[in-house]
Amino acid sequence: MDHPGYGDFRARREATIWQQLNQVLKGLIIIALLLVIVSLFLPQYKRLKQSRSELDALQAIVTEQKMVLARHTREASLLKTDPVYLETIARDRLDLMKEGETIFRLEPPKEKPKAATPAR
């Protein structure tokens, strides 16, 4: 026994199911496209971050080396031009002192050896 409006209702119901399935399919396609785009650009992004961190580390080394160079250049200049500085350095390295002079040496604290951790 078919009711007169039942076939119409069934057709509309099937149409809405297909519309919903089409919406779900569109959503899945968009998600798949986004995943493809992310998978294409993620390795390059990681490589870029790694390169930037390496660059920062190298720039820190360059800055440190520039400071060492400036210190050595200053010391060489003082050794060439300042006889008082030259005398002070020579007496310090040769452990010599003038008469009546008292020298105080401050040694940096020695680092304690780290205890080995027991193996488990």
PDB file of N, CA and C in Angstrom:
ATOM      1  N   MET A   1       0.837  -1.180   0.000  1.00  0.00           N
ATOM      2  CA  MET A   1       0.000   0.000   0.000  1.00  0.00           C
ATOM      3  C   MET A   1       0.874   1.231   0.000  1.00  0.00           C
ATOM      4  N   ASP A   2       0.910   1.871  -1.058  1.00  0.00           N
ATOM      5  CA  ASP A   2       1.647   3.121  -1.161  1.00  0.00           C
ATOM      6  C   ASP A   2       0.727   4.278  -0.859  1.00  0.00           C
ATOM      7  N   HIS A   3       1.212   5.103  -0.030  1.00  0.00           N
ATOM      8  CA  HIS A   3       0.468   6.319   0.254  1.00  0.00           C
ATOM      9  C   HIS A   3       0.766   7.305  -0.846  1.00  0.00           C
ATOM     10  N   PRO A   4      -0.148   8.200  -1.134  1.00  0.00           N
ATOM     11  CA  PRO A   4       0.042   9.108  -2.258  1.00  0.00           C
ATOM     12  C   PRO A   4       1.243  10.049  -2.086  1.00  0.00           C
ATOM     13  N   GLY A   5       1.573  10.538  -0.914  1.00  0.00           N
ATOM     14  CA  GLY A   5       2.675  11.494  -0.732  1.00  0.00           C
ATOM     15  C   GLY A   5       3.965  10.828  -0.292  1.00  0.00           C
ATOM     16  N   TYR A   6       3.934   9.501  -0.113  1.00  0.00           N
ATOM     17  CA  TYR A   6       5.091   8.803   0.413  1.00  0.00           C
ATOM     18  C   TYR A   6       6.236   8.732  -0.591  1.00  0.00           C
ATOM     19  N   GLY A   7       5.960   8.537  -1.835  1.00  0.00           N
ATOM     20  CA  GLY A   7       6.993   8.468  -2.880  1.00  0.00           C
ATOM     21  C   GLY A   7       7.715   9.798  -3.012  1.00  0.00           C
ATOM     22  N   ASP A   8       6.977  10.870  -2.908  1.00  0.00           N
ATOM     23  CA  ASP A   8       7.569  12.208  -2.965  1.00  0.00           C
ATOM     24  C   ASP A   8       8.511  12.444  -1.789  1.00  0.00           C
ATOM     25  N   PHE A   9       8.077  11.993  -0.612  1.00  0.00           N
ATOM     26  CA  PHE A   9       8.887  12.154   0.593  1.00  0.00           C
ATOM     27  C   PHE A   9      10.188  11.354   0.480  1.00  0.00           C
ATOM     28  N   ARG A  10      10.051  10.154  -0.064  1.00  0.00           N
ATOM     29  CA  ARG A  10      11.228   9.297  -0.209  1.00  0.00           C
ATOM     30  C   ARG A  10      12.218   9.903  -1.198  1.00  0.00           C
ATOM     31  N   ALA A  11      11.743  10.472  -2.266  1.00  0.00           N
ATOM     32  CA  ALA A  11      12.629  11.085  -3.263  1.00  0.00           C
ATOM     33  C   ALA A  11      13.335  12.294  -2.665  1.00  0.00           C
ATOM     34  N   ARG A  12      12.606  13.094  -1.901  1.00  0.00           N
ATOM     35  CA  ARG A  12      13.232  14.251  -1.255  1.00  0.00           C
ATOM     36  C   ARG A  12      14.260  13.818  -0.225  1.00  0.00           C
ATOM     37  N   ARG A  13      13.949  12.747   0.490  1.00  0.00           N
ATOM     38  CA  ARG A  13      14.882  12.239   1.503  1.00  0.00           C
ATOM     39  C   ARG A  13      16.162  11.736   0.840  1.00  0.00           C
ATOM     40  N   GLU A  14      16.057  11.015  -0.241  1.00  0.00           N
ATOM     41  CA  GLU A  14      17.233  10.522  -0.953  1.00  0.00           C
ATOM     42  C   GLU A  14      18.033  11.686  -1.541  1.00  0.00           C
ATOM     43  N   ALA A  15      17.335  12.722  -1.989  1.00  0.00           N
ATOM     44  CA  ALA A  15      18.023  13.891  -2.545  1.00  0.00           C
ATOM     45  C   ALA A  15      18.818  14.601  -1.451  1.00  0.00           C
ATOM     46  N   THR A  16      18.245  14.720  -0.267  1.00  0.00           N
ATOM     47  CA  THR A  16      18.983  15.388   0.801  1.00  0.00           C
ATOM     48  C   THR A  16      20.159  14.538   1.260  1.00  0.00           C
ATOM     49  N   ILE A  17      20.030  13.228   1.233  1.00  0.00           N
ATOM     50  CA  ILE A  17      21.158  12.356   1.598  1.00  0.00           C
ATOM     51  C   ILE A  17      22.294  12.562   0.606  1.00  0.00           C
ATOM     52  N   TRP A  18      21.955  12.624  -0.702  1.00  0.00           N
ATOM     53  CA  TRP A  18      22.999  12.834  -1.715  1.00  0.00           C
ATOM     54  C   TRP A  18      23.625  14.220  -1.570  1.00  0.00           C
ATOM     55  N   GLN A  19      22.808  15.187  -1.217  1.00  0.00           N
ATOM     56  CA  GLN A  19      23.361  16.531  -1.005  1.00  0.00           C
ATOM     57  C   GLN A  19      24.325  16.524   0.189  1.00  0.00           C
ATOM     58  N   GLN A  20      23.949  15.837   1.236  1.00  0.00           N
ATOM     59  CA  GLN A  20      24.827  15.746   2.402  1.00  0.00           C
ATOM     60  C   GLN A  20      26.117  15.002   2.059  1.00  0.00           C
ATOM     61  N   LEU A  21      25.995  13.925   1.305  1.00  0.00           N
ATOM     62  CA  LEU A  21      27.180  13.177   0.903  1.00  0.00           C
ATOM     63  C   LEU A  21      28.082  14.025   0.009  1.00  0.00           C
ATOM     64  N   ASN A  22      27.482  14.835  -0.860  1.00  0.00           N
ATOM     65  CA  ASN A  22      28.269  15.730  -1.703  1.00  0.00           C
ATOM     66  C   ASN A  22      29.010  16.769  -0.849  1.00  0.00           C
ATOM     67  N   GLN A  23      28.360  17.293   0.177  1.00  0.00           N
ATOM     68  CA  GLN A  23      29.008  18.239   1.072  1.00  0.00           C
ATOM     69  C   GLN A  23      30.174  17.581   1.808  1.00  0.00           C
ATOM     70  N   VAL A  24      29.968  16.354   2.282  1.00  0.00           N
ATOM     71  CA  VAL A  24      31.028  15.622   2.962  1.00  0.00           C
ATOM     72  C   VAL A  24      32.183  15.373   1.997  1.00  0.00           C
ATOM     73  N   LEU A  25      31.876  14.998   0.761  1.00  0.00           N
ATOM     74  CA  LEU A  25      32.908  14.745  -0.242  1.00  0.00           C
ATOM     75  C   LEU A  25      33.695  16.022  -0.547  1.00  0.00           C
ATOM     76  N   LYS A  26      33.005  17.144  -0.662  1.00  0.00           N
ATOM     77  CA  LYS A  26      33.700  18.416  -0.885  1.00  0.00           C
ATOM     78  C   LYS A  26      34.635  18.729   0.283  1.00  0.00           C
ATOM     79  N   GLY A  27      34.166  18.507   1.485  1.00  0.00           N
ATOM     80  CA  GLY A  27      34.997  18.742   2.664  1.00  0.00           C
ATOM     81  C   GLY A  27      36.226  17.845   2.671  1.00  0.00           C
ATOM     82  N   LEU A  28      36.041  16.584   2.333  1.00  0.00           N
ATOM     83  CA  LEU A  28      37.172  15.654   2.297  1.00  0.00           C
ATOM     84  C   LEU A  28      38.177  16.039   1.213  1.00  0.00           C
ATOM     85  N   ILE A  29      37.681  16.511   0.076  1.00  0.00           N
ATOM     86  CA  ILE A  29      38.575  16.945  -1.003  1.00  0.00           C
ATOM     87  C   ILE A  29      39.385  18.157  -0.547  1.00  0.00           C
ATOM     88  N   ILE A  30      38.743  19.103   0.132  1.00  0.00           N
ATOM     89  CA  ILE A  30      39.444  20.292   0.621  1.00  0.00           C
ATOM     90  C   ILE A  30      40.501  19.890   1.649  1.00  0.00           C
ATOM     91  N   ILE A  31      40.147  18.983   2.553  1.00  0.00           N
ATOM     92  CA  ILE A  31      41.112  18.510   3.558  1.00  0.00           C
ATOM     93  C   ILE A  31      42.284  17.814   2.879  1.00  0.00           C
ATOM     94  N   ALA A  32      42.003  16.993   1.863  1.00  0.00           N
ATOM     95  CA  ALA A  32      43.077  16.297   1.144  1.00  0.00           C
ATOM     96  C   ALA A  32      43.992  17.291   0.449  1.00  0.00           C
ATOM     97  N   LEU A  33      43.424  18.325  -0.158  1.00  0.00           N
ATOM     98  CA  LEU A  33      44.248  19.343  -0.815  1.00  0.00           C
ATOM     99  C   LEU A  33      45.116  20.088   0.198  1.00  0.00           C
ATOM    100  N   LEU A  34      44.543  20.413   1.337  1.00  0.00           N
ATOM    101  CA  LEU A  34      45.325  21.079   2.374  1.00  0.00           C
ATOM    102  C   LEU A  34      46.469  20.190   2.872  1.00  0.00           C
ATOM    103  N   LEU A  35      46.202  18.906   3.032  1.00  0.00           N
ATOM    104  CA  LEU A  35      47.248  17.983   3.463  1.00  0.00           C
ATOM    105  C   LEU A  35      48.363  17.870   2.424  1.00  0.00           C
ATOM    106  N   VAL A  36      47.988  17.878   1.148  1.00  0.00           N
ATOM    107  CA  VAL A  36      48.999  17.820   0.087  1.00  0.00           C
ATOM    108  C   VAL A  36      49.860  19.083   0.122  1.00  0.00           C
ATOM    109  N   ILE A  37      49.227  20.236   0.269  1.00  0.00           N
ATOM    110  CA  ILE A  37      49.971  21.500   0.312  1.00  0.00           C
ATOM    111  C   ILE A  37      50.907  21.515   1.519  1.00  0.00           C
ATOM    112  N   VAL A  38      50.414  21.104   2.680  1.00  0.00           N
ATOM    113  CA  VAL A  38      51.246  21.080   3.881  1.00  0.00           C
ATOM    114  C   VAL A  38      52.401  20.105   3.703  1.00  0.00           C
ATOM    115  N   SER A  39      52.129  18.943   3.125  1.00  0.00           N
ATOM    116  CA  SER A  39      53.207  17.959   2.959  1.00  0.00           C
ATOM    117  C   SER A  39      54.255  18.430   1.961  1.00  0.00           C
ATOM    118  N   LEU A  40      53.876  19.301   1.027  1.00  0.00           N
ATOM    119  CA  LEU A  40      54.852  19.833   0.075  1.00  0.00           C
ATOM    120  C   LEU A  40      55.739  20.905   0.706  1.00  0.00           C
ATOM    121  N   PHE A  41      55.174  21.720   1.588  1.00  0.00           N
ATOM    122  CA  PHE A  41      55.919  22.851   2.130  1.00  0.00           C
ATOM    123  C   PHE A  41      56.550  22.587   3.487  1.00  0.00           C
ATOM    124  N   LEU A  42      56.128  21.581   4.204  1.00  0.00           N
ATOM    125  CA  LEU A  42      56.664  21.326   5.537  1.00  0.00           C
ATOM    126  C   LEU A  42      58.159  20.987   5.520  1.00  0.00           C
ATOM    127  N   PRO A  43      58.645  20.125   4.629  1.00  0.00           N
ATOM    128  CA  PRO A  43      60.096  19.840   4.637  1.00  0.00           C
ATOM    129  C   PRO A  43      60.943  21.084   4.352  1.00  0.00           C
ATOM    130  N   GLN A  44      60.505  21.930   3.413  1.00  0.00           N
ATOM    131  CA  GLN A  44      61.251  23.154   3.127  1.00  0.00           C
ATOM    132  C   GLN A  44      61.231  24.088   4.325  1.00  0.00           C
ATOM    133  N   TYR A  45      60.120  24.139   5.030  1.00  0.00           N
ATOM    134  CA  TYR A  45      60.022  25.001   6.203  1.00  0.00           C
ATOM    135  C   TYR A  45      60.966  24.514   7.301  1.00  0.00           C
ATOM    136  N   LYS A  46      61.014  23.195   7.506  1.00  0.00           N
ATOM    137  CA  LYS A  46      61.930  22.650   8.510  1.00  0.00           C
ATOM    138  C   LYS A  46      63.373  22.938   8.127  1.00  0.00           C
ATOM    139  N   ARG A  47      63.695  22.784   6.845  1.00  0.00           N
ATOM    140  CA  ARG A  47      65.049  23.054   6.379  1.00  0.00           C
ATOM    141  C   ARG A  47      65.385  24.536   6.566  1.00  0.00           C
ATOM    142  N   LEU A  48      64.425  25.410   6.314  1.00  0.00           N
ATOM    143  CA  LEU A  48      64.640  26.842   6.499  1.00  0.00           C
ATOM    144  C   LEU A  48      64.916  27.165   7.967  1.00  0.00           C
ATOM    145  N   LYS A  49      64.137  26.578   8.878  1.00  0.00           N
ATOM    146  CA  LYS A  49      64.364  26.818  10.304  1.00  0.00           C
ATOM    147  C   LYS A  49      65.735  26.309  10.727  1.00  0.00           C
ATOM    148  N   GLN A  50      66.128  25.139  10.233  1.00  0.00           N
ATOM    149  CA  GLN A  50      67.431  24.587  10.571  1.00  0.00           C
ATOM    150  C   GLN A  50      68.544  25.480  10.032  1.00  0.00           C
ATOM    151  N   SER A  51      68.379  25.962   8.812  1.00  0.00           N
ATOM    152  CA  SER A  51      69.394  26.844   8.225  1.00  0.00           C
ATOM    153  C   SER A  51      69.501  28.144   9.003  1.00  0.00           C
ATOM    154  N   ARG A  52      68.373  28.677   9.429  1.00  0.00           N
ATOM    155  CA  ARG A  52      68.401  29.912  10.214  1.00  0.00           C
ATOM    156  C   ARG A  52      69.111  29.703  11.548  1.00  0.00           C
ATOM    157  N   SER A  53      68.857  28.564  12.194  1.00  0.00           N
ATOM    158  CA  SER A  53      69.525  28.317  13.475  1.00  0.00           C
ATOM    159  C   SER A  53      71.027  28.125  13.265  1.00  0.00           C
ATOM    160  N   GLU A  54      71.418  27.462  12.171  1.00  0.00           N
ATOM    161  CA  GLU A  54      72.843  27.316  11.869  1.00  0.00           C
ATOM    162  C   GLU A  54      73.466  28.675  11.577  1.00  0.00           C
ATOM    163  N   LEU A  55      72.737  29.521  10.851  1.00  0.00           N
ATOM    164  CA  LEU A  55      73.229  30.861  10.542  1.00  0.00           C
ATOM    165  C   LEU A  55      73.411  31.678  11.815  1.00  0.00           C
ATOM    166  N   ASP A  56      72.465  31.585  12.725  1.00  0.00           N
ATOM    167  CA  ASP A  56      72.584  32.302  14.002  1.00  0.00           C
ATOM    168  C   ASP A  56      73.800  31.818  14.791  1.00  0.00           C
ATOM    169  N   ALA A  57      74.004  30.508  14.791  1.00  0.00           N
ATOM    170  CA  ALA A  57      75.160  29.964  15.507  1.00  0.00           C
ATOM    171  C   ALA A  57      76.460  30.448  14.869  1.00  0.00           C
ATOM    172  N   LEU A  58      76.516  30.457  13.550  1.00  0.00           N
ATOM    173  CA  LEU A  58      77.720  30.915  12.858  1.00  0.00           C
ATOM    174  C   LEU A  58      77.958  32.404  13.079  1.00  0.00           C
ATOM    175  N   GLN A  59      76.880  33.184  13.116  1.00  0.00           N
ATOM    176  CA  GLN A  59      77.030  34.612  13.374  1.00  0.00           C
ATOM    177  C   GLN A  59      77.540  34.855  14.794  1.00  0.00           C
ATOM    178  N   ALA A  60      77.107  34.031  15.740  1.00  0.00           N
ATOM    179  CA  ALA A  60      77.613  34.154  17.112  1.00  0.00           C
ATOM    180  C   ALA A  60      79.104  33.833  17.146  1.00  0.00           C
ATOM    181  N   ILE A  61      79.511  32.820  16.389  1.00  0.00           N
ATOM    182  CA  ILE A  61      80.938  32.470  16.335  1.00  0.00           C
ATOM    183  C   ILE A  61      81.734  33.605  15.708  1.00  0.00           C
ATOM    184  N   VAL A  62      81.196  34.200  14.626  1.00  0.00           N
ATOM    185  CA  VAL A  62      81.886  35.307  13.968  1.00  0.00           C
ATOM    186  C   VAL A  62      82.031  36.487  14.923  1.00  0.00           C
ATOM    187  N   THR A  63      80.977  36.796  15.648  1.00  0.00           N
ATOM    188  CA  THR A  63      81.029  37.900  16.613  1.00  0.00           C
ATOM    189  C   THR A  63      82.080  37.624  17.688  1.00  0.00           C
ATOM    190  N   GLU A  64      82.101  36.389  18.186  1.00  0.00           N
ATOM    191  CA  GLU A  64      83.091  36.032  19.202  1.00  0.00           C
ATOM    192  C   GLU A  64      84.508  36.149  18.638  1.00  0.00           C
ATOM    193  N   GLN A  65      84.707  35.693  17.419  1.00  0.00           N
ATOM    194  CA  GLN A  65      86.036  35.760  16.802  1.00  0.00           C
ATOM    195  C   GLN A  65      86.455  37.211  16.546  1.00  0.00           C
ATOM    196  N   LYS A  66      85.489  38.066  16.209  1.00  0.00           N
ATOM    197  CA  LYS A  66      85.808  39.490  16.023  1.00  0.00           C
ATOM    198  C   LYS A  66      86.265  40.102  17.344  1.00  0.00           C
ATOM    199  N   MET A  67      85.617  39.691  18.431  1.00  0.00           N
ATOM    200  CA  MET A  67      86.026  40.207  19.734  1.00  0.00           C
ATOM    201  C   MET A  67      87.428  39.718  20.083  1.00  0.00           C
ATOM    202  N   VAL A  68      87.727  38.466  19.802  1.00  0.00           N
ATOM    203  CA  VAL A  68      89.066  37.921  20.064  1.00  0.00           C
ATOM    204  C   VAL A  68      90.094  38.660  19.222  1.00  0.00           C
ATOM    205  N   LEU A  69      89.763  38.903  17.946  1.00  0.00           N
ATOM    206  CA  LEU A  69      90.674  39.629  17.056  1.00  0.00           C
ATOM    207  C   LEU A  69      90.930  41.045  17.575  1.00  0.00           C
ATOM    208  N   ALA A  70      89.873  41.720  18.015  1.00  0.00           N
ATOM    209  CA  ALA A  70      90.037  43.075  18.549  1.00  0.00           C
ATOM    210  C   ALA A  70      90.914  43.068  19.794  1.00  0.00           C
ATOM    211  N   ARG A  71      90.716  42.076  20.654  1.00  0.00           N
ATOM    212  CA  ARG A  71      91.523  41.979  21.872  1.00  0.00           C
ATOM    213  C   ARG A  71      92.992  41.723  21.522  1.00  0.00           C
ATOM    214  N   HIS A  72      93.233  40.818  20.590  1.00  0.00           N
ATOM    215  CA  HIS A  72      94.618  40.528  20.198  1.00  0.00           C
ATOM    216  C   HIS A  72      95.262  41.719  19.481  1.00  0.00           C
ATOM    217  N   THR A  73      94.487  42.414  18.663  1.00  0.00           N
ATOM    218  CA  THR A  73      95.004  43.593  17.975  1.00  0.00           C
ATOM    219  C   THR A  73      95.378  44.669  18.990  1.00  0.00           C
ATOM    220  N   ARG A  74      94.522  44.855  19.985  1.00  0.00           N
ATOM    221  CA  ARG A  74      94.798  45.850  21.037  1.00  0.00           C
ATOM    222  C   ARG A  74      96.040  45.460  21.821  1.00  0.00           C
ATOM    223  N   GLU A  75      96.155  44.164  22.150  1.00  0.00           N
ATOM    224  CA  GLU A  75      97.318  43.712  22.905  1.00  0.00           C
ATOM    225  C   GLU A  75      98.601  43.879  22.087  1.00  0.00           C
ATOM    226  N   ALA A  76      98.532  43.553  20.790  1.00  0.00           N
ATOM    227  CA  ALA A  76      99.716  43.721  19.943  1.00  0.00           C
ATOM    228  C   ALA A  76     100.103  45.182  19.840  1.00  0.00           C
ATOM    229  N   SER A  77      99.095  46.050  19.726  1.00  0.00           N
ATOM    230  CA  SER A  77      99.365  47.484  19.656  1.00  0.00           C
ATOM    231  C   SER A  77     100.003  47.985  20.950  1.00  0.00           C
ATOM    232  N   LEU A  78      99.484  47.531  22.094  1.00  0.00           N
ATOM    233  CA  LEU A  78     100.056  47.938  23.378  1.00  0.00           C
ATOM    234  C   LEU A  78     101.483  47.408  23.546  1.00  0.00           C
ATOM    235  N   LEU A  79     101.724  46.184  23.107  1.00  0.00           N
ATOM    236  CA  LEU A  79     103.069  45.625  23.206  1.00  0.00           C
ATOM    237  C   LEU A  79     104.068  46.410  22.355  1.00  0.00           C
ATOM    238  N   LYS A  80     103.599  46.949  21.212  1.00  0.00           N
ATOM    239  CA  LYS A  80     104.489  47.708  20.325  1.00  0.00           C
ATOM    240  C   LYS A  80     104.703  49.141  20.800  1.00  0.00           C
ATOM    241  N   THR A  81     103.700  49.722  21.432  1.00  0.00           N
ATOM    242  CA  THR A  81     103.766  51.156  21.716  1.00  0.00           C
ATOM    243  C   THR A  81     103.891  51.524  23.188  1.00  0.00           C
ATOM    244  N   ASP A  82     103.488  50.666  24.099  1.00  0.00           N
ATOM    245  CA  ASP A  82     103.454  51.029  25.518  1.00  0.00           C
ATOM    246  C   ASP A  82     104.513  50.241  26.293  1.00  0.00           C
ATOM    247  N   PRO A  83     105.615  50.880  26.654  1.00  0.00           N
ATOM    248  CA  PRO A  83     106.679  50.157  27.367  1.00  0.00           C
ATOM    249  C   PRO A  83     106.258  49.697  28.765  1.00  0.00           C
ATOM    250  N   VAL A  84     105.369  50.425  29.431  1.00  0.00           N
ATOM    251  CA  VAL A  84     104.910  50.031  30.764  1.00  0.00           C
ATOM    252  C   VAL A  84     104.108  48.726  30.666  1.00  0.00           C
ATOM    253  N   TYR A  85     103.242  48.649  29.664  1.00  0.00           N
ATOM    254  CA  TYR A  85     102.449  47.425  29.460  1.00  0.00           C
ATOM    255  C   TYR A  85     103.377  46.253  29.128  1.00  0.00           C
ATOM    256  N   LEU A  86     104.344  46.493  28.267  1.00  0.00           N
ATOM    257  CA  LEU A  86     105.304  45.456  27.888  1.00  0.00           C
ATOM    258  C   LEU A  86     106.062  44.955  29.110  1.00  0.00           C
ATOM    259  N   GLU A  87     106.491  45.875  29.964  1.00  0.00           N
ATOM    260  CA  GLU A  87     107.217  45.494  31.176  1.00  0.00           C
ATOM    261  C   GLU A  87     106.327  44.671  32.103  1.00  0.00           C
ATOM    262  N   THR A  88     105.076  45.090  32.257  1.00  0.00           N
ATOM    263  CA  THR A  88     104.143  44.385  33.141  1.00  0.00           C
ATOM    264  C   THR A  88     103.908  42.960  32.648  1.00  0.00           C
ATOM    265  N   ILE A  89     103.684  42.809  31.365  1.00  0.00           N
ATOM    266  CA  ILE A  89     103.442  41.482  30.798  1.00  0.00           C
ATOM    267  C   ILE A  89     104.692  40.613  30.926  1.00  0.00           C
ATOM    268  N   ALA A  90     105.857  41.170  30.632  1.00  0.00           N
ATOM    269  CA  ALA A  90     107.105  40.403  30.710  1.00  0.00           C
ATOM    270  C   ALA A  90     107.369  39.945  32.139  1.00  0.00           C
ATOM    271  N   ARG A  91     107.197  40.833  33.116  1.00  0.00           N
ATOM    272  CA  ARG A  91     107.438  40.459  34.506  1.00  0.00           C
ATOM    273  C   ARG A  91     106.426  39.417  34.973  1.00  0.00           C
ATOM    274  N   ASP A  92     105.195  39.523  34.506  1.00  0.00           N
ATOM    275  CA  ASP A  92     104.161  38.564  34.894  1.00  0.00           C
ATOM    276  C   ASP A  92     104.477  37.183  34.337  1.00  0.00           C
ATOM    277  N   ARG A  93     104.859  37.124  33.095  1.00  0.00           N
ATOM    278  CA  ARG A  93     105.117  35.817  32.472  1.00  0.00           C
ATOM    279  C   ARG A  93     106.420  35.193  32.961  1.00  0.00           C
ATOM    280  N   LEU A  94     107.376  36.008  33.341  1.00  0.00           N
ATOM    281  CA  LEU A  94     108.657  35.485  33.829  1.00  0.00           C
ATOM    282  C   LEU A  94     108.695  35.360  35.352  1.00  0.00           C
ATOM    283  N   ASP A  95     107.594  35.722  35.992  1.00  0.00           N
ATOM    284  CA  ASP A  95     107.494  35.680  37.455  1.00  0.00           C
ATOM    285  C   ASP A  95     108.607  36.493  38.122  1.00  0.00           C
ATOM    286  N   LEU A  96     108.809  37.715  37.657  1.00  0.00           N
ATOM    287  CA  LEU A  96     109.796  38.619  38.244  1.00  0.00           C
ATOM    288  C   LEU A  96     109.076  39.757  38.937  1.00  0.00           C
ATOM    289  N   MET A  97     109.764  40.377  39.916  1.00  0.00           N
ATOM    290  CA  MET A  97     109.177  41.535  40.585  1.00  0.00           C
ATOM    291  C   MET A  97     110.281  42.521  40.940  1.00  0.00           C
ATOM    292  N   LYS A  98     109.858  43.766  41.105  1.00  0.00           N
ATOM    293  CA  LYS A  98     110.802  44.821  41.494  1.00  0.00           C
ATOM    294  C   LYS A  98     111.046  44.738  42.991  1.00  0.00           C
ATOM    295  N   GLU A  99     112.127  45.392  43.441  1.00  0.00           N
ATOM    296  CA  GLU A  99     112.416  45.422  44.868  1.00  0.00           C
ATOM    297  C   GLU A  99     111.310  46.195  45.589  1.00  0.00           C
ATOM    298  N   GLY A 100     110.867  45.630  46.694  1.00  0.00           N
ATOM    299  CA  GLY A 100     109.839  46.288  47.487  1.00  0.00           C
ATOM    300  C   GLY A 100     108.433  46.084  46.944  1.00  0.00           C
ATOM    301  N   GLU A 101     108.305  45.345  45.899  1.00  0.00           N
ATOM    302  CA  GLU A 101     106.987  45.126  45.292  1.00  0.00           C
ATOM    303  C   GLU A 101     106.415  43.818  45.825  1.00  0.00           C
ATOM    304  N   THR A 102     105.113  43.839  46.131  1.00  0.00           N
ATOM    305  CA  THR A 102     104.430  42.631  46.576  1.00  0.00           C
ATOM    306  C   THR A 102     103.421  42.240  45.500  1.00  0.00           C
ATOM    307  N   ILE A 103     103.460  41.005  45.120  1.00  0.00           N
ATOM    308  CA  ILE A 103     102.564  40.538  44.059  1.00  0.00           C
ATOM    309  C   ILE A 103     101.526  39.608  44.675  1.00  0.00           C
ATOM    310  N   PHE A 104     100.285  39.865  44.339  1.00  0.00           N
ATOM    311  CA  PHE A 104      99.193  39.004  44.776  1.00  0.00           C
ATOM    312  C   PHE A 104      98.638  38.319  43.528  1.00  0.00           C
ATOM    313  N   ARG A 105      98.612  37.005  43.547  1.00  0.00           N
ATOM    314  CA  ARG A 105      98.053  36.254  42.426  1.00  0.00           C
ATOM    315  C   ARG A 105      96.726  35.628  42.868  1.00  0.00           C
ATOM    316  N   LEU A 106      95.730  35.838  42.058  1.00  0.00           N
ATOM    317  CA  LEU A 106      94.426  35.248  42.320  1.00  0.00           C
ATOM    318  C   LEU A 106      94.202  34.162  41.275  1.00  0.00           C
ATOM    319  N   GLU A 107      94.186  32.948  41.728  1.00  0.00           N
ATOM    320  CA  GLU A 107      93.986  31.816  40.842  1.00  0.00           C
ATOM    321  C   GLU A 107      92.484  31.563  40.702  1.00  0.00           C
ATOM    322  N   PRO A 108      92.028  31.273  39.493  1.00  0.00           N
ATOM    323  CA  PRO A 108      90.610  30.923  39.345  1.00  0.00           C
ATOM    324  C   PRO A 108      90.335  29.593  40.033  1.00  0.00           C
ATOM    325  N   PRO A 109      89.154  29.434  40.581  1.00  0.00           N
ATOM    326  CA  PRO A 109      88.849  28.177  41.275  1.00  0.00           C
ATOM    327  C   PRO A 109      88.915  27.004  40.298  1.00  0.00           C
ATOM    328  N   LYS A 110      89.503  25.929  40.783  1.00  0.00           N
ATOM    329  CA  LYS A 110      89.613  24.736  39.945  1.00  0.00           C
ATOM    330  C   LYS A 110      88.259  24.047  39.907  1.00  0.00           C
ATOM    331  N   GLU A 111      87.925  23.536  38.720  1.00  0.00           N
ATOM    332  CA  GLU A 111      86.654  22.843  38.578  1.00  0.00           C
ATOM    333  C   GLU A 111      86.772  21.448  39.169  1.00  0.00           C
ATOM    334  N   LYS A 112      85.769  21.070  39.907  1.00  0.00           N
ATOM    335  CA  LYS A 112      85.764  19.738  40.488  1.00  0.00           C
ATOM    336  C   LYS A 112      85.374  18.740  39.399  1.00  0.00           C
ATOM    337  N   PRO A 113      86.065  17.614  39.349  1.00  0.00           N
ATOM    338  CA  PRO A 113      85.672  16.609  38.350  1.00  0.00           C
ATOM    339  C   PRO A 113      84.292  16.075  38.668  1.00  0.00           C
ATOM    340  N   LYS A 114      83.524  15.904  37.636  1.00  0.00           N
ATOM    341  CA  LYS A 114      82.163  15.405  37.817  1.00  0.00           C
ATOM    342  C   LYS A 114      82.207  13.920  38.159  1.00  0.00           C
ATOM    343  N   ALA A 115      81.409  13.542  39.129  1.00  0.00           N
ATOM    344  CA  ALA A 115      81.368  12.150  39.535  1.00  0.00           C
ATOM    345  C   ALA A 115      80.663  11.341  38.470  1.00  0.00           C
ATOM    346  N   ALA A 116      81.186  10.180  38.177  1.00  0.00           N
ATOM    347  CA  ALA A 116      80.561   9.311  37.170  1.00  0.00           C
ATOM    348  C   ALA A 116      79.253   8.776  37.732  1.00  0.00           C
ATOM    349  N   THR A 117      78.243   8.784  36.889  1.00  0.00           N
ATOM    350  CA  THR A 117      76.955   8.274  37.333  1.00  0.00           C
ATOM    351  C   THR A 117      76.978   6.747  37.235  1.00  0.00           C
ATOM    352  N   PRO A 118      76.484   6.071  38.241  1.00  0.00           N
ATOM    353  CA  PRO A 118      76.504   4.605  38.222  1.00  0.00           C
ATOM    354  C   PRO A 118      75.577   4.066  37.124  1.00  0.00           C
ATOM    355  N   ALA A 119      76.045   3.019  36.465  1.00  0.00           N
ATOM    356  CA  ALA A 119      75.226   2.398  35.406  1.00  0.00           C
ATOM    357  C   ALA A 119      74.157   1.546  36.045  1.00  0.00           C
ATOM    358  N   ARG A 120      73.016   1.545  35.428  1.00  0.00           N
ATOM    359  CA  ARG A 120      71.899   0.750  35.963  1.00  0.00           C
ATOM    360  C   ARG A 120      71.739  -0.529  35.214  1.00  0.00           C
TER     361      ARG A 120
END
